[in-house]
């Protein structure tokens, strides 16, 4: 089971690498090889985070692959968006817990 999960992370990381590398190529007229790989690596990290998030919502392979590619494409901006969404969600939950404890 663990090997299957690691295999999914590797596959989705490669999809995300493609997203990050494609984004780099689309915004640069004279791309450099090292920056191409850096864009791909950043995209891979972000894409795997998006994949893990998406796999908590659904186990559909097309959904998780699309989220990994989207995460790879968005890169740093995607991580900022995801971080802010999680921060907002958790702060609301913490506020609810505090409100309930204040009522006691």
PDB file of N, CA and C in Angstrom:
ATOM      1  N   UNK A   1       0.820  -1.187   0.000  1.00  0.00           N
ATOM      2  CA  UNK A   1       0.000   0.000   0.000  1.00  0.00           C
ATOM      3  C   UNK A   1       0.872   1.262   0.000  1.00  0.00           C
ATOM      4  N   UNK A   2       1.913   1.275   0.807  1.00  0.00           N
ATOM      5  CA  UNK A   2       2.801   2.438   0.853  1.00  0.00           C
ATOM      6  C   UNK A   2       3.505   2.623  -0.484  1.00  0.00           C
ATOM      7  N   UNK A   3       3.934   1.518  -1.100  1.00  0.00           N
ATOM      8  CA  UNK A   3       4.598   1.625  -2.404  1.00  0.00           C
ATOM      9  C   UNK A   3       3.655   2.193  -3.458  1.00  0.00           C
ATOM     10  N   UNK A   4       2.378   1.809  -3.391  1.00  0.00           N
ATOM     11  CA  UNK A   4       1.392   2.329  -4.332  1.00  0.00           C
ATOM     12  C   UNK A   4       1.222   3.835  -4.154  1.00  0.00           C
ATOM     13  N   UNK A   5       1.188   4.291  -2.914  1.00  0.00           N
ATOM     14  CA  UNK A   5       1.048   5.721  -2.639  1.00  0.00           C
ATOM     15  C   UNK A   5       2.283   6.491  -3.098  1.00  0.00           C
ATOM     16  N   UNK A   6       3.463   5.963  -2.845  1.00  0.00           N
ATOM     17  CA  UNK A   6       4.696   6.626  -3.294  1.00  0.00           C
ATOM     18  C   UNK A   6       4.766   6.678  -4.818  1.00  0.00           C
ATOM     19  N   UNK A   7       4.273   5.620  -5.456  1.00  0.00           N
ATOM     20  CA  UNK A   7       4.234   5.606  -6.916  1.00  0.00           C
ATOM     21  C   UNK A   7       3.307   6.709  -7.433  1.00  0.00           C
ATOM     22  N   UNK A   8       2.156   6.889  -6.784  1.00  0.00           N
ATOM     23  CA  UNK A   8       1.240   7.963  -7.184  1.00  0.00           C
ATOM     24  C   UNK A   8       1.882   9.337  -6.991  1.00  0.00           C
ATOM     25  N   UNK A   9       2.594   9.519  -5.891  1.00  0.00           N
ATOM     26  CA  UNK A   9       3.271  10.792  -5.656  1.00  0.00           C
ATOM     27  C   UNK A   9       4.318  11.053  -6.739  1.00  0.00           C
ATOM     28  N   UNK A  10       5.071  10.032  -7.114  1.00  0.00           N
ATOM     29  CA  UNK A  10       6.094  10.181  -8.148  1.00  0.00           C
ATOM     30  C   UNK A  10       5.461  10.534  -9.498  1.00  0.00           C
ATOM     31  N   UNK A  11       4.402   9.825  -9.856  1.00  0.00           N
ATOM     32  CA  UNK A  11       3.733  10.085 -11.139  1.00  0.00           C
ATOM     33  C   UNK A  11       3.149  11.493 -11.164  1.00  0.00           C
ATOM     34  N   UNK A  12       2.471  11.870 -10.093  1.00  0.00           N
ATOM     35  CA  UNK A  12       1.871  13.196 -10.051  1.00  0.00           C
ATOM     36  C   UNK A  12       2.945  14.289  -9.967  1.00  0.00           C
ATOM     37  N   UNK A  13       4.064  13.974  -9.344  1.00  0.00           N
ATOM     38  CA  UNK A  13       5.181  14.917  -9.318  1.00  0.00           C
ATOM     39  C   UNK A  13       5.741  15.156 -10.712  1.00  0.00           C
ATOM     40  N   UNK A  14       5.772  14.102 -11.534  1.00  0.00           N
ATOM     41  CA  UNK A  14       6.247  14.270 -12.914  1.00  0.00           C
ATOM     42  C   UNK A  14       5.254  15.090 -13.736  1.00  0.00           C
ATOM     43  N   UNK A  15       3.957  14.869 -13.496  1.00  0.00           N
ATOM     44  CA  UNK A  15       2.938  15.692 -14.176  1.00  0.00           C
ATOM     45  C   UNK A  15       3.124  17.151 -13.781  1.00  0.00           C
ATOM     46  N   UNK A  16       3.317  17.389 -12.494  1.00  0.00           N
ATOM     47  CA  UNK A  16       3.497  18.749 -11.997  1.00  0.00           C
ATOM     48  C   UNK A  16       4.792  19.367 -12.526  1.00  0.00           C
ATOM     49  N   UNK A  17       5.853  18.568 -12.660  1.00  0.00           N
ATOM     50  CA  UNK A  17       7.102  19.055 -13.248  1.00  0.00           C
ATOM     51  C   UNK A  17       6.828  19.603 -14.641  1.00  0.00           C
ATOM     52  N   UNK A  18       6.032  18.857 -15.399  1.00  0.00           N
ATOM     53  CA  UNK A  18       5.663  19.312 -16.737  1.00  0.00           C
ATOM     54  C   UNK A  18       4.908  20.625 -16.693  1.00  0.00           C
ATOM     55  N   UNK A  19       4.009  20.773 -15.711  1.00  0.00           N
ATOM     56  CA  UNK A  19       3.267  22.026 -15.565  1.00  0.00           C
ATOM     57  C   UNK A  19       4.178  23.189 -15.244  1.00  0.00           C
ATOM     58  N   UNK A  20       5.092  22.990 -14.298  1.00  0.00           N
ATOM     59  CA  UNK A  20       6.021  24.063 -13.926  1.00  0.00           C
ATOM     60  C   UNK A  20       6.975  24.420 -15.044  1.00  0.00           C
ATOM     61  N   UNK A  21       7.492  23.401 -15.729  1.00  0.00           N
ATOM     62  CA  UNK A  21       8.424  23.645 -16.825  1.00  0.00           C
ATOM     63  C   UNK A  21       7.722  24.325 -18.003  1.00  0.00           C
ATOM     64  N   UNK A  22       6.485  23.916 -18.271  1.00  0.00           N
ATOM     65  CA  UNK A  22       5.719  24.535 -19.359  1.00  0.00           C
ATOM     66  C   UNK A  22       5.430  25.994 -19.072  1.00  0.00           C
ATOM     67  N   UNK A  23       5.088  26.283 -17.819  1.00  0.00           N
ATOM     68  CA  UNK A  23       4.842  27.675 -17.463  1.00  0.00           C
ATOM     69  C   UNK A  23       6.100  28.512 -17.672  1.00  0.00           C
ATOM     70  N   UNK A  24       7.240  27.985 -17.230  1.00  0.00           N
ATOM     71  CA  UNK A  24       8.495  28.718 -17.416  1.00  0.00           C
ATOM     72  C   UNK A  24       8.737  28.987 -18.902  1.00  0.00           C
ATOM     73  N   UNK A  25       8.555  27.966 -19.729  1.00  0.00           N
ATOM     74  CA  UNK A  25       8.798  28.131 -21.162  1.00  0.00           C
ATOM     75  C   UNK A  25       7.823  29.117 -21.794  1.00  0.00           C
ATOM     76  N   UNK A  26       6.590  29.151 -21.307  1.00  0.00           N
ATOM     77  CA  UNK A  26       5.597  30.033 -21.917  1.00  0.00           C
ATOM     78  C   UNK A  26       5.830  31.502 -21.584  1.00  0.00           C
ATOM     79  N   UNK A  27       6.552  31.790 -20.509  1.00  0.00           N
ATOM     80  CA  UNK A  27       6.775  33.180 -20.109  1.00  0.00           C
ATOM     81  C   UNK A  27       8.179  33.694 -20.429  1.00  0.00           C
ATOM     82  N   UNK A  28       9.012  32.871 -21.034  1.00  0.00           N
ATOM     83  CA  UNK A  28      10.384  33.290 -21.327  1.00  0.00           C
ATOM     84  C   UNK A  28      10.694  33.069 -22.796  1.00  0.00           C
ATOM     85  N   UNK A  29      11.144  34.134 -23.456  1.00  0.00           N
ATOM     86  CA  UNK A  29      11.481  34.033 -24.871  1.00  0.00           C
ATOM     87  C   UNK A  29      12.817  33.340 -25.091  1.00  0.00           C
ATOM     88  N   UNK A  30      13.749  33.531 -24.158  1.00  0.00           N
ATOM     89  CA  UNK A  30      15.051  32.880 -24.260  1.00  0.00           C
ATOM     90  C   UNK A  30      15.284  32.054 -22.992  1.00  0.00           C
ATOM     91  N   UNK A  31      14.695  30.853 -22.949  1.00  0.00           N
ATOM     92  CA  UNK A  31      14.799  30.050 -21.733  1.00  0.00           C
ATOM     93  C   UNK A  31      16.218  29.532 -21.497  1.00  0.00           C
ATOM     94  N   UNK A  32      16.534  29.370 -20.251  1.00  0.00           N
ATOM     95  CA  UNK A  32      17.818  28.792 -19.842  1.00  0.00           C
ATOM     96  C   UNK A  32      17.528  27.427 -19.224  1.00  0.00           C
ATOM     97  N   UNK A  33      18.382  26.464 -19.505  1.00  0.00           N
ATOM     98  CA  UNK A  33      18.152  25.082 -19.080  1.00  0.00           C
ATOM     99  C   UNK A  33      18.039  24.957 -17.567  1.00  0.00           C
ATOM    100  N   UNK A  34      18.900  25.633 -16.812  1.00  0.00           N
ATOM    101  CA  UNK A  34      18.872  25.516 -15.360  1.00  0.00           C
ATOM    102  C   UNK A  34      17.570  26.083 -14.797  1.00  0.00           C
ATOM    103  N   UNK A  35      17.103  27.204 -15.351  1.00  0.00           N
ATOM    104  CA  UNK A  35      15.843  27.792 -14.881  1.00  0.00           C
ATOM    105  C   UNK A  35      14.649  26.933 -15.284  1.00  0.00           C
ATOM    106  N   UNK A  36      14.766  26.241 -16.412  1.00  0.00           N
ATOM    107  CA  UNK A  36      13.744  25.290 -16.832  1.00  0.00           C
ATOM    108  C   UNK A  36      13.593  24.198 -15.773  1.00  0.00           C
ATOM    109  N   UNK A  37      14.709  23.639 -15.326  1.00  0.00           N
ATOM    110  CA  UNK A  37      14.667  22.589 -14.305  1.00  0.00           C
ATOM    111  C   UNK A  37      14.226  23.136 -12.944  1.00  0.00           C
ATOM    112  N   UNK A  38      14.638  24.330 -12.617  1.00  0.00           N
ATOM    113  CA  UNK A  38      14.208  24.939 -11.353  1.00  0.00           C
ATOM    114  C   UNK A  38      12.691  25.160 -11.375  1.00  0.00           C
ATOM    115  N   UNK A  39      12.178  25.664 -12.487  1.00  0.00           N
ATOM    116  CA  UNK A  39      10.730  25.826 -12.626  1.00  0.00           C
ATOM    117  C   UNK A  39      10.005  24.501 -12.499  1.00  0.00           C
ATOM    118  N   UNK A  40      10.581  23.463 -13.070  1.00  0.00           N
ATOM    119  CA  UNK A  40       9.996  22.122 -12.963  1.00  0.00           C
ATOM    120  C   UNK A  40      10.030  21.580 -11.552  1.00  0.00           C
ATOM    121  N   UNK A  41      11.119  21.812 -10.844  1.00  0.00           N
ATOM    122  CA  UNK A  41      11.244  21.329  -9.460  1.00  0.00           C
ATOM    123  C   UNK A  41      10.261  22.055  -8.549  1.00  0.00           C
ATOM    124  N   UNK A  42      10.159  23.357  -8.697  1.00  0.00           N
ATOM    125  CA  UNK A  42       9.182  24.120  -7.910  1.00  0.00           C
ATOM    126  C   UNK A  42       7.776  23.643  -8.245  1.00  0.00           C
ATOM    127  N   UNK A  43       7.517  23.437  -9.515  1.00  0.00           N
ATOM    128  CA  UNK A  43       6.217  22.920  -9.941  1.00  0.00           C
ATOM    129  C   UNK A  43       5.938  21.539  -9.374  1.00  0.00           C
ATOM    130  N   UNK A  44       6.963  20.694  -9.315  1.00  0.00           N
ATOM    131  CA  UNK A  44       6.789  19.348  -8.753  1.00  0.00           C
ATOM    132  C   UNK A  44       6.378  19.410  -7.289  1.00  0.00           C
ATOM    133  N   UNK A  45       7.056  20.226  -6.524  1.00  0.00           N
ATOM    134  CA  UNK A  45       6.731  20.356  -5.108  1.00  0.00           C
ATOM    135  C   UNK A  45       5.294  20.852  -4.929  1.00  0.00           C
ATOM    136  N   UNK A  46       4.959  21.930  -5.626  1.00  0.00           N
ATOM    137  CA  UNK A  46       3.620  22.489  -5.514  1.00  0.00           C
ATOM    138  C   UNK A  46       2.575  21.499  -6.015  1.00  0.00           C
ATOM    139  N   UNK A  47       2.868  20.840  -7.103  1.00  0.00           N
ATOM    140  CA  UNK A  47       1.924  19.875  -7.660  1.00  0.00           C
ATOM    141  C   UNK A  47       1.668  18.703  -6.735  1.00  0.00           C
ATOM    142  N   UNK A  48       2.700  18.220  -6.064  1.00  0.00           N
ATOM    143  CA  UNK A  48       2.517  17.117  -5.120  1.00  0.00           C
ATOM    144  C   UNK A  48       1.668  17.567  -3.932  1.00  0.00           C
ATOM    145  N   UNK A  49       1.877  18.794  -3.472  1.00  0.00           N
ATOM    146  CA  UNK A  49       1.036  19.334  -2.393  1.00  0.00           C
ATOM    147  C   UNK A  49      -0.414  19.406  -2.859  1.00  0.00           C
ATOM    148  N   UNK A  50      -0.641  19.901  -4.072  1.00  0.00           N
ATOM    149  CA  UNK A  50      -1.998  19.957  -4.617  1.00  0.00           C
ATOM    150  C   UNK A  50      -2.577  18.550  -4.766  1.00  0.00           C
ATOM    151  N   UNK A  51      -1.759  17.588  -5.203  1.00  0.00           N
ATOM    152  CA  UNK A  51      -2.212  16.204  -5.325  1.00  0.00           C
ATOM    153  C   UNK A  51      -2.643  15.655  -3.974  1.00  0.00           C
ATOM    154  N   UNK A  52      -1.838  15.877  -2.953  1.00  0.00           N
ATOM    155  CA  UNK A  52      -2.184  15.383  -1.622  1.00  0.00           C
ATOM    156  C   UNK A  52      -3.474  16.010  -1.120  1.00  0.00           C
ATOM    157  N   UNK A  53      -3.635  17.293  -1.368  1.00  0.00           N
ATOM    158  CA  UNK A  53      -4.865  17.982  -0.991  1.00  0.00           C
ATOM    159  C   UNK A  53      -6.055  17.410  -1.761  1.00  0.00           C
ATOM    160  N   UNK A  54      -5.892  17.231  -3.065  1.00  0.00           N
ATOM    161  CA  UNK A  54      -6.980  16.708  -3.903  1.00  0.00           C
ATOM    162  C   UNK A  54      -7.334  15.276  -3.544  1.00  0.00           C
ATOM    163  N   UNK A  55      -6.329  14.478  -3.159  1.00  0.00           N
ATOM    164  CA  UNK A  55      -6.611  13.080  -2.812  1.00  0.00           C
ATOM    165  C   UNK A  55      -7.382  12.968  -1.505  1.00  0.00           C
ATOM    166  N   UNK A  56      -7.357  14.014  -0.685  1.00  0.00           N
ATOM    167  CA  UNK A  56      -8.193  14.026   0.520  1.00  0.00           C
ATOM    168  C   UNK A  56      -9.651  14.274   0.159  1.00  0.00           C
ATOM    169  N   UNK A  57      -9.885  14.934  -0.954  1.00  0.00           N
ATOM    170  CA  UNK A  57     -11.249  15.259  -1.389  1.00  0.00           C
ATOM    171  C   UNK A  57     -11.829  14.133  -2.244  1.00  0.00           C
ATOM    172  N   UNK A  58     -11.023  13.596  -3.142  1.00  0.00           N
ATOM    173  CA  UNK A  58     -11.513  12.584  -4.074  1.00  0.00           C
ATOM    174  C   UNK A  58     -10.373  11.636  -4.443  1.00  0.00           C
ATOM    175  N   UNK A  59     -10.725  10.400  -4.743  1.00  0.00           N
ATOM    176  CA  UNK A  59      -9.729   9.423  -5.191  1.00  0.00           C
ATOM    177  C   UNK A  59      -9.727   9.265  -6.712  1.00  0.00           C
ATOM    178  N   UNK A  60     -10.486  10.111  -7.407  1.00  0.00           N
ATOM    179  CA  UNK A  60     -10.564  10.058  -8.858  1.00  0.00           C
ATOM    180  C   UNK A  60      -9.203  10.414  -9.449  1.00  0.00           C
ATOM    181  N   UNK A  61      -8.658   9.516 -10.268  1.00  0.00           N
ATOM    182  CA  UNK A  61      -7.307   9.721 -10.790  1.00  0.00           C
ATOM    183  C   UNK A  61      -7.220  10.926 -11.726  1.00  0.00           C
ATOM    184  N   UNK A  62      -8.285  11.234 -12.445  1.00  0.00           N
ATOM    185  CA  UNK A  62      -8.250  12.383 -13.350  1.00  0.00           C
ATOM    186  C   UNK A  62      -8.270  13.692 -12.564  1.00  0.00           C
ATOM    187  N   UNK A  63      -9.059  13.728 -11.501  1.00  0.00           N
ATOM    188  CA  UNK A  63      -9.134  14.910 -10.635  1.00  0.00           C
ATOM    189  C   UNK A  63      -7.778  15.176  -9.999  1.00  0.00           C
ATOM    190  N   UNK A  64      -7.167  14.132  -9.432  1.00  0.00           N
ATOM    191  CA  UNK A  64      -5.886  14.337  -8.745  1.00  0.00           C
ATOM    192  C   UNK A  64      -4.775  14.695  -9.729  1.00  0.00           C
ATOM    193  N   UNK A  65      -4.815  14.103 -10.924  1.00  0.00           N
ATOM    194  CA  UNK A  65      -3.802  14.449 -11.930  1.00  0.00           C
ATOM    195  C   UNK A  65      -3.982  15.894 -12.402  1.00  0.00           C
ATOM    196  N   UNK A  66      -5.227  16.307 -12.588  1.00  0.00           N
ATOM    197  CA  UNK A  66      -5.487  17.695 -12.996  1.00  0.00           C
ATOM    198  C   UNK A  66      -5.024  18.667 -11.917  1.00  0.00           C
ATOM    199  N   UNK A  67      -5.265  18.343 -10.664  1.00  0.00           N
ATOM    200  CA  UNK A  67      -4.830  19.214  -9.573  1.00  0.00           C
ATOM    201  C   UNK A  67      -3.310  19.265  -9.480  1.00  0.00           C
ATOM    202  N   UNK A  68      -2.652  18.140  -9.720  1.00  0.00           N
ATOM    203  CA  UNK A  68      -1.186  18.129  -9.704  1.00  0.00           C
ATOM    204  C   UNK A  68      -0.633  19.007 -10.822  1.00  0.00           C
ATOM    205  N   UNK A  69      -1.201  18.882 -12.015  1.00  0.00           N
ATOM    206  CA  UNK A  69      -0.763  19.719 -13.133  1.00  0.00           C
ATOM    207  C   UNK A  69      -1.034  21.197 -12.885  1.00  0.00           C
ATOM    208  N   UNK A  70      -2.211  21.486 -12.329  1.00  0.00           N
ATOM    209  CA  UNK A  70      -2.547  22.869 -11.994  1.00  0.00           C
ATOM    210  C   UNK A  70      -1.591  23.420 -10.935  1.00  0.00           C
ATOM    211  N   UNK A  71      -1.294  22.601  -9.944  1.00  0.00           N
ATOM    212  CA  UNK A  71      -0.335  23.018  -8.916  1.00  0.00           C
ATOM    213  C   UNK A  71       1.038  23.273  -9.501  1.00  0.00           C
ATOM    214  N   UNK A  72       1.445  22.411 -10.427  1.00  0.00           N
ATOM    215  CA  UNK A  72       2.729  22.616 -11.095  1.00  0.00           C
ATOM    216  C   UNK A  72       2.745  23.894 -11.905  1.00  0.00           C
ATOM    217  N   UNK A  73       1.648  24.180 -12.578  1.00  0.00           N
ATOM    218  CA  UNK A  73       1.555  25.391 -13.397  1.00  0.00           C
ATOM    219  C   UNK A  73       1.572  26.644 -12.531  1.00  0.00           C
ATOM    220  N   UNK A  74       0.817  26.642 -11.435  1.00  0.00           N
ATOM    221  CA  UNK A  74       0.712  27.856 -10.620  1.00  0.00           C
ATOM    222  C   UNK A  74       1.950  28.108  -9.782  1.00  0.00           C
ATOM    223  N   UNK A  75       2.657  27.060  -9.398  1.00  0.00           N
ATOM    224  CA  UNK A  75       3.904  27.218  -8.648  1.00  0.00           C
ATOM    225  C   UNK A  75       3.730  27.965  -7.340  1.00  0.00           C
ATOM    226  N   UNK A  76       4.535  28.995  -7.131  1.00  0.00           N
ATOM    227  CA  UNK A  76       4.537  29.758  -5.890  1.00  0.00           C
ATOM    228  C   UNK A  76       3.190  30.422  -5.610  1.00  0.00           C
ATOM    229  N   UNK A  77       2.552  30.947  -6.657  1.00  0.00           N
ATOM    230  CA  UNK A  77       1.244  31.591  -6.474  1.00  0.00           C
ATOM    231  C   UNK A  77       0.216  30.584  -5.976  1.00  0.00           C
ATOM    232  N   UNK A  78       0.292  29.361  -6.480  1.00  0.00           N
ATOM    233  CA  UNK A  78      -0.623  28.314  -6.036  1.00  0.00           C
ATOM    234  C   UNK A  78      -0.406  27.948  -4.579  1.00  0.00           C
ATOM    235  N   UNK A  79       0.847  27.901  -4.170  1.00  0.00           N
ATOM    236  CA  UNK A  79       1.142  27.597  -2.761  1.00  0.00           C
ATOM    237  C   UNK A  79       0.632  28.718  -1.863  1.00  0.00           C
ATOM    238  N   UNK A  80       0.781  29.951  -2.293  1.00  0.00           N
ATOM    239  CA  UNK A  80       0.276  31.082  -1.508  1.00  0.00           C
ATOM    240  C   UNK A  80      -1.242  31.001  -1.387  1.00  0.00           C
ATOM    241  N   UNK A  81      -1.925  30.702  -2.487  1.00  0.00           N
ATOM    242  CA  UNK A  81      -3.380  30.564  -2.457  1.00  0.00           C
ATOM    243  C   UNK A  81      -3.807  29.437  -1.518  1.00  0.00           C
ATOM    244  N   UNK A  82      -3.163  28.278  -1.655  1.00  0.00           N
ATOM    245  CA  UNK A  82      -3.515  27.125  -0.819  1.00  0.00           C
ATOM    246  C   UNK A  82      -3.231  27.415   0.651  1.00  0.00           C
ATOM    247  N   UNK A  83      -2.108  28.042   0.936  1.00  0.00           N
ATOM    248  CA  UNK A  83      -1.762  28.389   2.311  1.00  0.00           C
ATOM    249  C   UNK A  83      -2.802  29.325   2.912  1.00  0.00           C
ATOM    250  N   UNK A  84      -3.200  30.353   2.166  1.00  0.00           N
ATOM    251  CA  UNK A  84      -4.194  31.301   2.670  1.00  0.00           C
ATOM    252  C   UNK A  84      -5.550  30.642   2.881  1.00  0.00           C
ATOM    253  N   UNK A  85      -5.930  29.710   1.994  1.00  0.00           N
ATOM    254  CA  UNK A  85      -7.202  29.008   2.145  1.00  0.00           C
ATOM    255  C   UNK A  85      -7.195  28.127   3.391  1.00  0.00           C
ATOM    256  N   UNK A  86      -6.104  27.404   3.605  1.00  0.00           N
ATOM    257  CA  UNK A  86      -5.994  26.543   4.792  1.00  0.00           C
ATOM    258  C   UNK A  86      -5.945  27.392   6.055  1.00  0.00           C
ATOM    259  N   UNK A  87      -5.227  28.492   6.006  1.00  0.00           N
ATOM    260  CA  UNK A  87      -5.128  29.394   7.154  1.00  0.00           C
ATOM    261  C   UNK A  87      -6.501  29.951   7.529  1.00  0.00           C
ATOM    262  N   UNK A  88      -7.258  30.374   6.531  1.00  0.00           N
ATOM    263  CA  UNK A  88      -8.597  30.910   6.774  1.00  0.00           C
ATOM    264  C   UNK A  88      -9.518  29.833   7.355  1.00  0.00           C
ATOM    265  N   UNK A  89      -9.462  28.631   6.784  1.00  0.00           N
ATOM    266  CA  UNK A  89     -10.299  27.525   7.249  1.00  0.00           C
ATOM    267  C   UNK A  89      -9.970  27.160   8.691  1.00  0.00           C
ATOM    268  N   UNK A  90      -8.682  27.012   8.992  1.00  0.00           N
ATOM    269  CA  UNK A  90      -8.300  26.606  10.348  1.00  0.00           C
ATOM    270  C   UNK A  90      -8.574  27.704  11.363  1.00  0.00           C
ATOM    271  N   UNK A  91      -8.403  28.962  10.976  1.00  0.00           N
ATOM    272  CA  UNK A  91      -8.678  30.035  11.938  1.00  0.00           C
ATOM    273  C   UNK A  91     -10.165  30.101  12.267  1.00  0.00           C
ATOM    274  N   UNK A  92     -11.030  29.808  11.285  1.00  0.00           N
ATOM    275  CA  UNK A  92     -12.469  29.760  11.562  1.00  0.00           C
ATOM    276  C   UNK A  92     -12.793  28.620  12.524  1.00  0.00           C
ATOM    277  N   UNK A  93     -12.164  27.477  12.324  1.00  0.00           N
ATOM    278  CA  UNK A  93     -12.400  26.330  13.211  1.00  0.00           C
ATOM    279  C   UNK A  93     -11.898  26.629  14.622  1.00  0.00           C
ATOM    280  N   UNK A  94     -10.752  27.262  14.722  1.00  0.00           N
ATOM    281  CA  UNK A  94     -10.202  27.607  16.039  1.00  0.00           C
ATOM    282  C   UNK A  94     -11.106  28.618  16.737  1.00  0.00           C
ATOM    283  N   UNK A  95     -11.609  29.593  15.977  1.00  0.00           N
ATOM    284  CA  UNK A  95     -12.526  30.574  16.566  1.00  0.00           C
ATOM    285  C   UNK A  95     -13.803  29.899  17.081  1.00  0.00           C
ATOM    286  N   UNK A  96     -14.315  28.908  16.338  1.00  0.00           N
ATOM    287  CA  UNK A  96     -15.497  28.179  16.796  1.00  0.00           C
ATOM    288  C   UNK A  96     -15.213  27.435  18.096  1.00  0.00           C
ATOM    289  N   UNK A  97     -14.072  26.797  18.153  1.00  0.00           N
ATOM    290  CA  UNK A  97     -13.706  26.058  19.365  1.00  0.00           C
ATOM    291  C   UNK A  97     -13.585  27.012  20.556  1.00  0.00           C
ATOM    292  N   UNK A  98     -12.960  28.156  20.316  1.00  0.00           N
ATOM    293  CA  UNK A  98     -12.820  29.153  21.389  1.00  0.00           C
ATOM    294  C   UNK A  98     -14.173  29.683  21.839  1.00  0.00           C
ATOM    295  N   UNK A  99     -15.093  29.900  20.891  1.00  0.00           N
ATOM    296  CA  UNK A  99     -16.429  30.370  21.229  1.00  0.00           C
ATOM    297  C   UNK A  99     -17.173  29.348  22.080  1.00  0.00           C
ATOM    298  N   UNK A 100     -17.038  28.071  21.719  1.00  0.00           N
ATOM    299  CA  UNK A 100     -17.698  27.012  22.491  1.00  0.00           C
ATOM    300  C   UNK A 100     -17.114  26.930  23.890  1.00  0.00           C
ATOM    301  N   UNK A 101     -15.804  27.057  23.993  1.00  0.00           N
ATOM    302  CA  UNK A 101     -15.170  27.002  25.325  1.00  0.00           C
ATOM    303  C   UNK A 101     -15.546  28.214  26.166  1.00  0.00           C
ATOM    304  N   UNK A 102     -15.770  29.365  25.532  1.00  0.00           N
ATOM    305  CA  UNK A 102     -16.182  30.558  26.268  1.00  0.00           C
ATOM    306  C   UNK A 102     -17.596  30.413  26.815  1.00  0.00           C
ATOM    307  N   UNK A 103     -18.442  29.639  26.128  1.00  0.00           N
ATOM    308  CA  UNK A 103     -19.805  29.421  26.597  1.00  0.00           C
ATOM    309  C   UNK A 103     -19.878  28.531  27.832  1.00  0.00           C
ATOM    310  N   UNK A 104     -18.857  27.724  28.028  1.00  0.00           N
ATOM    311  CA  UNK A 104     -18.857  26.797  29.174  1.00  0.00           C
ATOM    312  C   UNK A 104     -18.544  27.514  30.408  1.00  0.00           C
TER     313      UNK A 104
END
